[in-house]
Amino acid sequence: MRTRYVARTALSTVIGLFITASAATAQEADRRSLTLASGRLTISGTSNVHDYTAETTTIRLTRAKIAAAVPSAALWDEIVKPGSLEAFEIAIPAATLTSPKEGLDKNMHKALKVQEHRDITFRLLRLEPGTTPSAFKGVGVLKIAGVEREVVLALTTGRKDGGLLVKGELALLMTDFGIAPPKAMLGMLKTDPKVTITFETVLMVPTT
């Protein structure tokens, strides 16, 4: 009887240690990832009639991995250093981009080929230092309407609500991504192929 009791006790101890270790591993894995607390992306352009904007707050963080060597205590200071982010990818459903200008959305979505290519994606390749401690260059691959191009984002960082505030800007030509500049008003409104993309996101570390 005593032998059985000792065996059961030992087994319970092993199971308890396994569960504790698994929970600790899961918590550490959470600290190696990020979540997107909020985000906004705006596209600004001009036409022969007026300026226009289109924006969305639907941004998904599809992949993020922090290097194991980055200390949790100084995460937001360390994460922007070269090699600290092993992976970072976001996706924006192209059909969620909307403009207050009447008649522009339908033509914009058609130009972006939202039925064939639902997401605009960005995959970070590396971060490079900028001209100030809070400024960086984000080198990555931008995919719009199924066409990929390597781009360099102008980034600035700060703190907000316990997370990392990241703002960025990129000027590009729609034609570089095989996009015909949208038209409206029976062709009387013609947009310029050059647009500026700006965005603002807040990154957080999972709490559980």
Protein backbone atom coordinates (compact mmCIF):
# COMPACT_ATOMS: atom_id res chain seq x y z
CA MET A 1 0.00 0.00 0.00
CA ARG A 2 2.79 2.38 0.97
CA THR A 3 4.56 1.64 -2.31
CA ARG A 4 1.42 2.53 -4.28
CA TYR A 5 0.97 5.72 -2.27
CA VAL A 6 4.58 6.77 -2.89
CA ALA A 7 4.17 6.02 -6.61
CA ARG A 8 0.97 8.07 -6.85
CA THR A 9 2.60 10.96 -4.98
CA ALA A 10 5.63 10.88 -7.25
CA LEU A 11 3.42 10.80 -10.34
CA SER A 12 1.36 13.74 -9.08
CA THR A 13 4.55 15.70 -8.41
CA VAL A 14 5.88 15.03 -11.91
CA ILE A 15 2.57 16.06 -13.49
CA GLY A 16 2.48 19.22 -11.38
CA LEU A 17 6.01 20.14 -12.38
CA PHE A 18 5.19 19.50 -16.03
CA ILE A 19 2.12 21.74 -15.90
CA THR A 20 4.06 24.49 -14.12
CA ALA A 21 6.88 24.30 -16.62
CA SER A 22 4.44 24.36 -19.54
CA ALA A 23 2.69 27.45 -18.13
CA ALA A 24 6.01 29.20 -17.63
CA THR A 25 7.06 28.34 -21.18
CA ALA A 26 3.77 29.68 -22.54
CA GLN A 27 4.15 32.91 -20.58
CA GLU A 28 7.70 33.35 -21.88
CA ALA A 29 6.47 32.69 -25.43
CA ASP A 30 3.86 35.42 -24.96
CA ARG A 31 6.58 37.82 -23.90
CA ARG A 32 8.38 37.01 -27.16
CA SER A 33 5.39 38.16 -29.23
CA LEU A 34 3.42 41.37 -29.75
CA THR A 35 -0.18 42.46 -30.20
CA LEU A 36 -1.62 45.41 -32.05
CA ALA A 37 -3.63 47.58 -29.66
CA SER A 38 -4.74 50.07 -32.33
CA GLY A 39 -3.89 51.18 -35.82
CA ARG A 40 -4.84 53.61 -38.55
CA LEU A 41 -3.63 53.80 -42.15
CA THR A 42 -4.30 56.71 -44.49
CA ILE A 43 -3.64 57.10 -48.20
CA SER A 44 -3.43 60.70 -49.43
CA GLY A 45 -3.39 61.77 -53.06
CA THR A 46 -4.31 64.47 -55.53
CA SER A 47 -6.42 64.70 -58.65
CA ASN A 48 -7.18 67.26 -61.33
CA VAL A 49 -10.25 68.29 -59.30
CA HIS A 50 -9.34 68.01 -55.59
CA ASP A 51 -7.15 66.28 -53.02
CA TYR A 52 -8.47 63.08 -51.48
CA THR A 53 -7.81 60.62 -48.66
CA ALA A 54 -8.80 57.05 -47.93
CA GLU A 55 -8.26 55.33 -44.61
CA THR A 56 -8.89 52.26 -42.52
CA THR A 57 -8.47 51.20 -38.90
CA THR A 58 -8.60 47.51 -39.79
CA ILE A 59 -5.01 46.38 -39.47
CA ARG A 60 -3.98 42.85 -38.51
CA LEU A 61 -0.66 41.86 -37.00
CA THR A 62 -0.19 38.48 -38.67
CA ARG A 63 3.26 37.64 -37.35
CA ALA A 64 5.62 39.06 -34.74
CA LYS A 65 8.55 37.50 -32.96
CA ILE A 66 10.99 39.11 -30.55
CA ALA A 67 14.51 37.71 -30.31
CA ALA A 68 15.11 35.67 -27.15
CA ALA A 69 18.05 37.86 -26.13
CA VAL A 70 15.89 40.99 -25.80
CA PRO A 71 15.28 41.66 -22.07
CA SER A 72 11.64 42.09 -21.10
CA ALA A 73 12.47 44.83 -18.58
CA ALA A 74 13.72 47.17 -21.32
CA LEU A 75 11.64 45.82 -24.18
CA TRP A 76 10.59 49.09 -25.86
CA ASP A 77 14.14 50.44 -25.74
CA GLU A 78 15.67 47.26 -27.12
CA ILE A 79 13.09 46.17 -29.66
CA VAL A 80 14.07 48.83 -32.20
CA LYS A 81 17.71 47.77 -32.21
CA PRO A 82 19.00 45.68 -35.15
CA GLY A 83 18.19 42.00 -34.77
CA SER A 84 15.67 42.45 -31.93
CA LEU A 85 12.66 41.75 -34.15
CA GLU A 86 13.01 38.38 -35.82
CA ALA A 87 9.67 38.69 -37.62
CA PHE A 88 7.04 41.37 -38.14
CA GLU A 89 4.22 41.25 -40.67
CA ILE A 90 0.93 43.14 -41.00
CA ALA A 91 -2.08 42.87 -43.30
CA ILE A 92 -4.72 45.44 -44.25
CA PRO A 93 -7.94 44.31 -45.97
CA ALA A 94 -7.92 46.52 -49.07
CA ALA A 95 -11.72 46.68 -49.22
CA THR A 96 -11.83 48.43 -45.82
CA LEU A 97 -10.16 51.54 -47.27
CA THR A 98 -12.83 54.21 -47.64
CA SER A 99 -12.87 57.84 -48.72
CA PRO A 100 -15.29 60.66 -47.86
CA LYS A 101 -15.19 61.69 -51.54
CA GLU A 102 -18.30 60.48 -53.33
CA GLY A 103 -17.79 57.84 -55.97
CA LEU A 104 -14.12 57.18 -55.20
CA ASP A 105 -14.44 53.96 -53.17
CA LYS A 106 -15.80 51.74 -55.93
CA ASN A 107 -13.15 52.83 -58.42
CA MET A 108 -10.40 52.64 -55.80
CA HIS A 109 -11.35 49.08 -54.82
CA LYS A 110 -11.47 48.10 -58.47
CA ALA A 111 -8.00 49.58 -59.04
CA LEU A 112 -6.68 47.72 -55.97
CA LYS A 113 -8.16 44.44 -57.31
CA VAL A 114 -9.70 43.67 -53.93
CA GLN A 115 -11.56 40.60 -55.21
CA GLU A 116 -8.36 38.90 -56.39
CA HIS A 117 -5.98 40.29 -53.75
CA ARG A 118 -7.86 40.96 -50.55
CA ASP A 119 -4.95 42.12 -48.39
CA ILE A 120 -2.27 44.76 -48.59
CA THR A 121 0.68 43.31 -46.69
CA PHE A 122 4.00 44.48 -45.31
CA ARG A 123 6.83 42.21 -44.15
CA LEU A 124 9.68 43.84 -42.26
CA LEU A 125 13.16 42.78 -43.34
CA ARG A 126 15.21 44.97 -41.02
CA LEU A 127 15.31 48.21 -39.03
CA GLU A 128 18.01 50.79 -39.66
CA PRO A 129 18.92 53.82 -37.50
CA GLY A 130 17.52 57.21 -38.47
CA THR A 131 18.72 60.75 -37.87
CA THR A 132 17.44 60.89 -34.25
CA PRO A 133 17.19 58.28 -31.45
CA SER A 134 13.43 57.90 -32.07
CA ALA A 135 13.66 57.76 -35.87
CA PHE A 136 14.26 54.62 -37.92
CA LYS A 137 14.08 53.23 -41.42
CA GLY A 138 11.91 50.18 -41.86
CA VAL A 139 13.12 48.17 -44.84
CA GLY A 140 10.58 45.62 -45.96
CA VAL A 141 8.43 44.11 -48.68
CA LEU A 142 5.13 45.83 -49.49
CA LYS A 143 2.53 43.88 -51.45
CA ILE A 144 -0.34 45.73 -53.12
CA ALA A 145 -2.74 44.21 -55.66
CA GLY A 146 -0.57 41.11 -55.80
CA VAL A 147 2.64 43.00 -56.69
CA GLU A 148 5.59 43.04 -54.28
CA ARG A 149 8.17 45.80 -54.00
CA GLU A 150 10.93 46.45 -51.47
CA VAL A 151 10.31 49.80 -49.77
CA VAL A 152 11.81 51.94 -47.02
CA LEU A 153 9.42 53.38 -44.43
CA ALA A 154 10.30 56.53 -42.50
CA LEU A 155 9.46 55.60 -38.89
CA THR A 156 9.28 57.41 -35.56
CA THR A 157 8.60 55.81 -32.19
CA GLY A 158 7.34 56.88 -28.77
CA ARG A 159 5.45 55.55 -25.77
CA LYS A 160 1.68 55.43 -25.41
CA ASP A 161 -0.51 53.70 -22.80
CA GLY A 162 2.32 51.39 -21.77
CA GLY A 163 3.00 50.34 -25.35
CA LEU A 164 5.13 51.43 -28.28
CA LEU A 165 3.67 54.08 -30.60
CA VAL A 166 4.96 53.71 -34.15
CA LYS A 167 4.27 56.27 -36.86
CA GLY A 168 5.36 55.89 -40.44
CA GLU A 169 5.23 57.43 -43.90
CA LEU A 170 5.90 56.23 -47.42
CA ALA A 171 5.52 57.96 -50.78
CA LEU A 172 4.99 55.69 -53.78
CA LEU A 173 3.66 55.48 -57.31
CA MET A 174 0.55 53.36 -57.81
CA THR A 175 1.86 52.41 -61.24
CA ASP A 176 4.87 50.69 -59.61
CA PHE A 177 2.38 48.14 -58.28
CA GLY A 178 0.54 47.74 -61.57
CA ILE A 179 -2.34 49.93 -60.39
CA ALA A 180 -4.08 52.25 -62.83
CA PRO A 181 -4.85 55.54 -61.01
CA PRO A 182 -8.59 55.56 -60.17
CA LYS A 183 -10.99 57.80 -62.07
CA ALA A 184 -14.43 59.13 -61.17
CA MET A 185 -17.19 61.39 -62.48
CA LEU A 186 -17.28 59.56 -65.84
CA GLY A 187 -13.55 60.04 -66.23
CA MET A 188 -13.54 63.78 -65.56
CA LEU A 189 -11.76 63.24 -62.21
CA LYS A 190 -8.31 61.75 -62.73
CA THR A 191 -6.04 60.92 -59.82
CA ASP A 192 -2.29 61.41 -59.80
CA PRO A 193 -0.31 58.13 -59.57
CA LYS A 194 1.75 59.45 -56.66
CA VAL A 195 0.26 58.83 -53.21
CA THR A 196 1.51 59.08 -49.64
CA ILE A 197 0.79 56.37 -47.10
CA THR A 198 0.86 57.32 -43.42
CA PHE A 199 0.09 55.09 -40.48
CA GLU A 200 0.00 55.05 -36.71
CA THR A 201 -0.01 51.91 -34.58
CA VAL A 202 0.35 51.03 -30.90
CA LEU A 203 2.13 47.77 -30.11
CA MET A 204 1.67 45.95 -26.83
CA VAL A 205 2.96 42.78 -25.16
CA PRO A 206 0.27 40.14 -24.41
CA THR A 207 -0.76 40.23 -20.75
CA THR A 208 -1.57 36.52 -20.55
